[in-house]
Amino acid sequence: MLRVTNVQEDSQRPCIVEINSYVPISFRSQNQPIGGARYIRLGDFKTRLLELQLPSESLVVSGFTLVSVEGSLQDALVGQGPSIVGLPAISMPQGQDFSGRIPRLDIQTEIALFCGDGQVEVRLGAAEIFNRRVVHRRVQFLLLDDVLVGLRVVDLSEVEQQTLRGYVAQHPSQVY
């Protein structure tokens, strides 16, 4: 999984969150697209795909897009613990590096969605708890020790919540 090694404290960056019925969740911390961005793609690459966006010069997570997911979880990750304001910097998994014309790294893992209580959460892997948060305005990066286990967007408007409920209804869980 992805380990968070540092936090870039920058409260001046914007927090742009878009929720729609085609691409359920998109977040970026810059007004303009990042030139030369690199991507870490997580999921099964068929029905579940999350892309983390990193600038070419660092490993700071500067945005993410939930491209697709099926179904939803009944419960969010549970936890408390210290919160740090900023954006997480990650380390590359051992022996892994970006490749391709558009630099990317694919990591096969479970991702799942929770919607409720005015928030949406993307769970990464099998963890059910977290004990630290890196917070950038409405966006929270949930950690278990130093491992990234979830992404959360809080303070959803009623329209955003309805849009997500509609997305989940249109994309129920499939058994293969």
Protein backbone atom coordinates (compact mmCIF):
# COMPACT_ATOMS: atom_id res chain seq x y z
CA MET A 1 0.00 0.00 0.00
CA LEU A 2 0.96 3.64 -0.06
CA ARG A 3 2.85 5.10 2.87
CA VAL A 4 2.65 8.76 3.83
CA THR A 5 6.13 10.00 4.67
CA ASN A 6 5.54 13.72 5.08
CA VAL A 7 2.88 16.44 4.95
CA GLN A 8 3.20 19.55 2.82
CA GLU A 9 1.61 22.28 4.90
CA ASP A 10 0.08 24.75 2.46
CA SER A 11 -3.23 26.25 3.52
CA GLN A 12 -3.27 28.68 0.58
CA ARG A 13 -3.97 26.03 -2.06
CA PRO A 14 -7.54 25.76 -3.30
CA CYS A 15 -9.72 22.75 -2.59
CA ILE A 16 -11.75 22.06 -5.70
CA VAL A 17 -14.19 19.17 -5.31
CA GLU A 18 -16.50 18.08 -8.10
CA ILE A 19 -19.16 15.44 -7.69
CA ASN A 20 -21.20 14.32 -10.67
CA SER A 21 -23.01 11.30 -12.03
CA TYR A 22 -20.35 10.43 -14.62
CA VAL A 23 -17.12 10.67 -12.57
CA PRO A 24 -18.36 10.44 -8.99
CA ILE A 25 -15.60 12.33 -7.15
CA SER A 26 -12.82 14.59 -8.32
CA PHE A 27 -10.51 16.71 -6.14
CA ARG A 28 -7.64 18.95 -7.06
CA SER A 29 -5.57 21.39 -5.07
CA GLN A 30 -4.67 23.67 -7.96
CA ASN A 31 -6.77 25.90 -10.19
CA GLN A 32 -5.13 24.63 -13.37
CA PRO A 33 -4.30 21.08 -14.48
CA ILE A 34 -0.82 19.98 -13.46
CA GLY A 35 1.57 19.87 -16.42
CA GLY A 36 3.56 16.64 -16.50
CA ALA A 37 1.41 15.06 -13.79
CA ARG A 38 2.04 11.48 -12.72
CA TYR A 39 -0.69 9.08 -11.66
CA ILE A 40 -1.01 6.22 -9.24
CA ARG A 41 -3.99 4.10 -10.24
CA LEU A 42 -5.64 1.89 -7.62
CA GLY A 43 -8.39 -0.70 -8.01
CA ASP A 44 -9.20 -3.72 -10.11
CA PHE A 45 -9.02 -1.61 -13.32
CA LYS A 46 -12.35 -3.03 -14.57
CA THR A 47 -15.13 -1.77 -12.32
CA ARG A 48 -13.17 0.02 -9.60
CA LEU A 49 -10.59 2.71 -10.37
CA LEU A 50 -9.15 5.57 -8.33
CA GLU A 51 -6.41 7.82 -9.68
CA LEU A 52 -4.11 9.82 -7.42
CA GLN A 53 -2.46 12.79 -9.12
CA LEU A 54 1.09 13.88 -8.29
CA PRO A 55 3.12 16.74 -9.80
CA SER A 56 6.24 15.83 -11.75
CA GLU A 57 8.58 17.36 -9.16
CA SER A 58 7.28 15.70 -5.97
CA LEU A 59 5.29 12.86 -4.46
CA VAL A 60 2.68 15.14 -2.88
CA VAL A 61 -0.87 13.97 -3.62
CA SER A 62 -2.30 17.05 -5.35
CA GLY A 63 -5.55 15.56 -6.55
CA PHE A 64 -7.57 12.41 -7.00
CA THR A 65 -10.38 11.12 -9.18
CA LEU A 66 -12.70 8.24 -8.40
CA VAL A 67 -13.24 7.09 -11.97
CA SER A 68 -15.55 4.16 -11.20
CA VAL A 69 -16.79 2.02 -8.33
CA GLU A 70 -19.65 -0.40 -7.81
CA GLY A 71 -22.00 -0.50 -4.84
CA SER A 72 -21.37 1.06 -1.47
CA LEU A 73 -20.38 0.12 2.06
CA GLN A 74 -22.70 0.30 5.05
CA ASP A 75 -20.13 1.92 7.35
CA ALA A 76 -17.33 4.45 7.10
CA LEU A 77 -13.86 3.88 8.47
CA VAL A 78 -13.86 4.36 12.24
CA GLY A 79 -11.22 6.34 14.04
CA GLN A 80 -9.88 9.39 15.71
CA GLY A 81 -6.48 10.76 16.32
CA PRO A 82 -4.40 13.75 15.42
CA SER A 83 -5.12 15.85 12.34
CA ILE A 84 -2.43 17.64 10.36
CA VAL A 85 -3.35 20.38 7.89
CA GLY A 86 -1.84 19.96 4.43
CA LEU A 87 -1.39 17.47 1.63
CA PRO A 88 0.27 14.06 2.07
CA ALA A 89 3.58 13.16 0.46
CA ILE A 90 3.87 9.45 -0.23
CA SER A 91 6.70 7.03 -0.80
CA MET A 92 6.77 4.73 -3.79
CA PRO A 93 6.15 1.05 -3.03
CA GLN A 94 9.45 -0.84 -2.98
CA GLY A 95 10.61 -1.79 -6.46
CA GLN A 96 7.87 0.28 -8.15
CA ASP A 97 8.25 3.29 -10.40
CA PHE A 98 6.25 5.29 -12.91
CA SER A 99 6.22 4.05 -16.50
CA GLY A 100 4.66 4.88 -19.85
CA ARG A 101 4.17 7.97 -21.98
CA ILE A 102 1.84 9.37 -19.30
CA PRO A 103 3.78 8.39 -16.18
CA ARG A 104 1.66 6.08 -14.07
CA LEU A 105 1.89 3.27 -11.59
CA ASP A 106 -0.87 0.65 -11.29
CA ILE A 107 -1.52 -0.96 -7.90
CA GLN A 108 -4.17 -3.64 -7.70
CA THR A 109 -6.17 -3.26 -4.48
CA GLU A 110 -9.72 -3.20 -3.21
CA ILE A 111 -11.48 0.14 -3.25
CA ALA A 112 -14.97 0.71 -1.89
CA LEU A 113 -17.31 3.65 -1.43
CA PHE A 114 -19.27 4.87 1.59
CA CYS A 115 -21.84 7.66 1.33
CA GLY A 116 -23.66 9.00 4.37
CA ASP A 117 -23.70 11.49 7.21
CA GLY A 118 -22.90 14.36 4.83
CA GLN A 119 -19.67 12.75 3.64
CA VAL A 120 -18.29 10.37 1.04
CA GLU A 121 -15.37 8.08 1.61
CA VAL A 122 -13.23 5.93 -0.65
CA ARG A 123 -11.72 3.03 1.30
CA LEU A 124 -8.40 1.64 0.12
CA GLY A 125 -7.68 -1.99 1.01
CA ALA A 126 -9.19 -3.93 3.88
CA ALA A 127 -8.59 -1.62 6.85
CA GLU A 128 -11.65 -0.70 8.91
CA ILE A 129 -10.02 1.92 11.15
CA PHE A 130 -7.76 4.95 10.94
CA ASN A 131 -5.74 6.77 13.58
CA ARG A 132 -4.51 9.93 11.81
CA ARG A 133 -5.82 12.45 9.30
CA VAL A 134 -4.18 14.80 6.85
CA VAL A 135 -6.76 17.53 6.20
CA HIS A 136 -6.98 19.90 3.26
CA ARG A 137 -10.19 21.90 3.81
CA ARG A 138 -13.08 19.54 2.83
CA VAL A 139 -10.78 16.65 1.93
CA GLN A 140 -9.31 14.23 4.46
CA PHE A 141 -6.63 11.62 3.82
CA LEU A 142 -7.16 8.85 6.38
CA LEU A 143 -4.13 6.98 7.71
CA LEU A 144 -3.58 3.88 9.79
CA ASP A 145 -0.18 4.66 11.26
CA ASP A 146 1.53 5.83 8.06
CA VAL A 147 -0.51 3.82 5.50
CA LEU A 148 -3.13 5.62 3.39
CA VAL A 149 -6.38 3.71 4.01
CA GLY A 150 -9.03 6.16 2.85
CA LEU A 151 -10.00 9.45 1.25
CA ARG A 152 -12.94 11.43 2.60
CA VAL A 153 -14.83 14.50 1.43
CA VAL A 154 -16.92 16.16 4.14
CA ASP A 155 -19.60 18.84 4.27
CA LEU A 156 -21.42 17.55 1.18
CA SER A 157 -24.32 19.67 -0.01
CA GLU A 158 -27.71 18.04 -0.43
CA VAL A 159 -27.25 18.15 -4.22
CA GLU A 160 -23.86 16.40 -3.93
CA GLN A 161 -25.37 13.72 -1.68
CA GLN A 162 -28.25 13.15 -4.10
CA THR A 163 -25.82 12.88 -7.02
CA LEU A 164 -23.77 10.25 -5.19
CA ARG A 165 -26.88 8.27 -4.18
CA GLY A 166 -27.93 8.30 -7.83
CA TYR A 167 -24.49 7.09 -8.92
CA VAL A 168 -24.56 4.21 -6.43
CA ALA A 169 -28.08 3.24 -7.57
CA GLN A 170 -26.88 3.12 -11.18
CA HIS A 171 -23.75 1.09 -10.30
CA PRO A 172 -24.77 -1.70 -7.90
CA SER A 173 -22.28 -4.31 -6.74
CA GLN A 174 -21.70 -7.11 -9.20
CA VAL A 175 -20.67 -10.67 -8.35
CA TYR A 176 -18.19 -12.21 -10.78
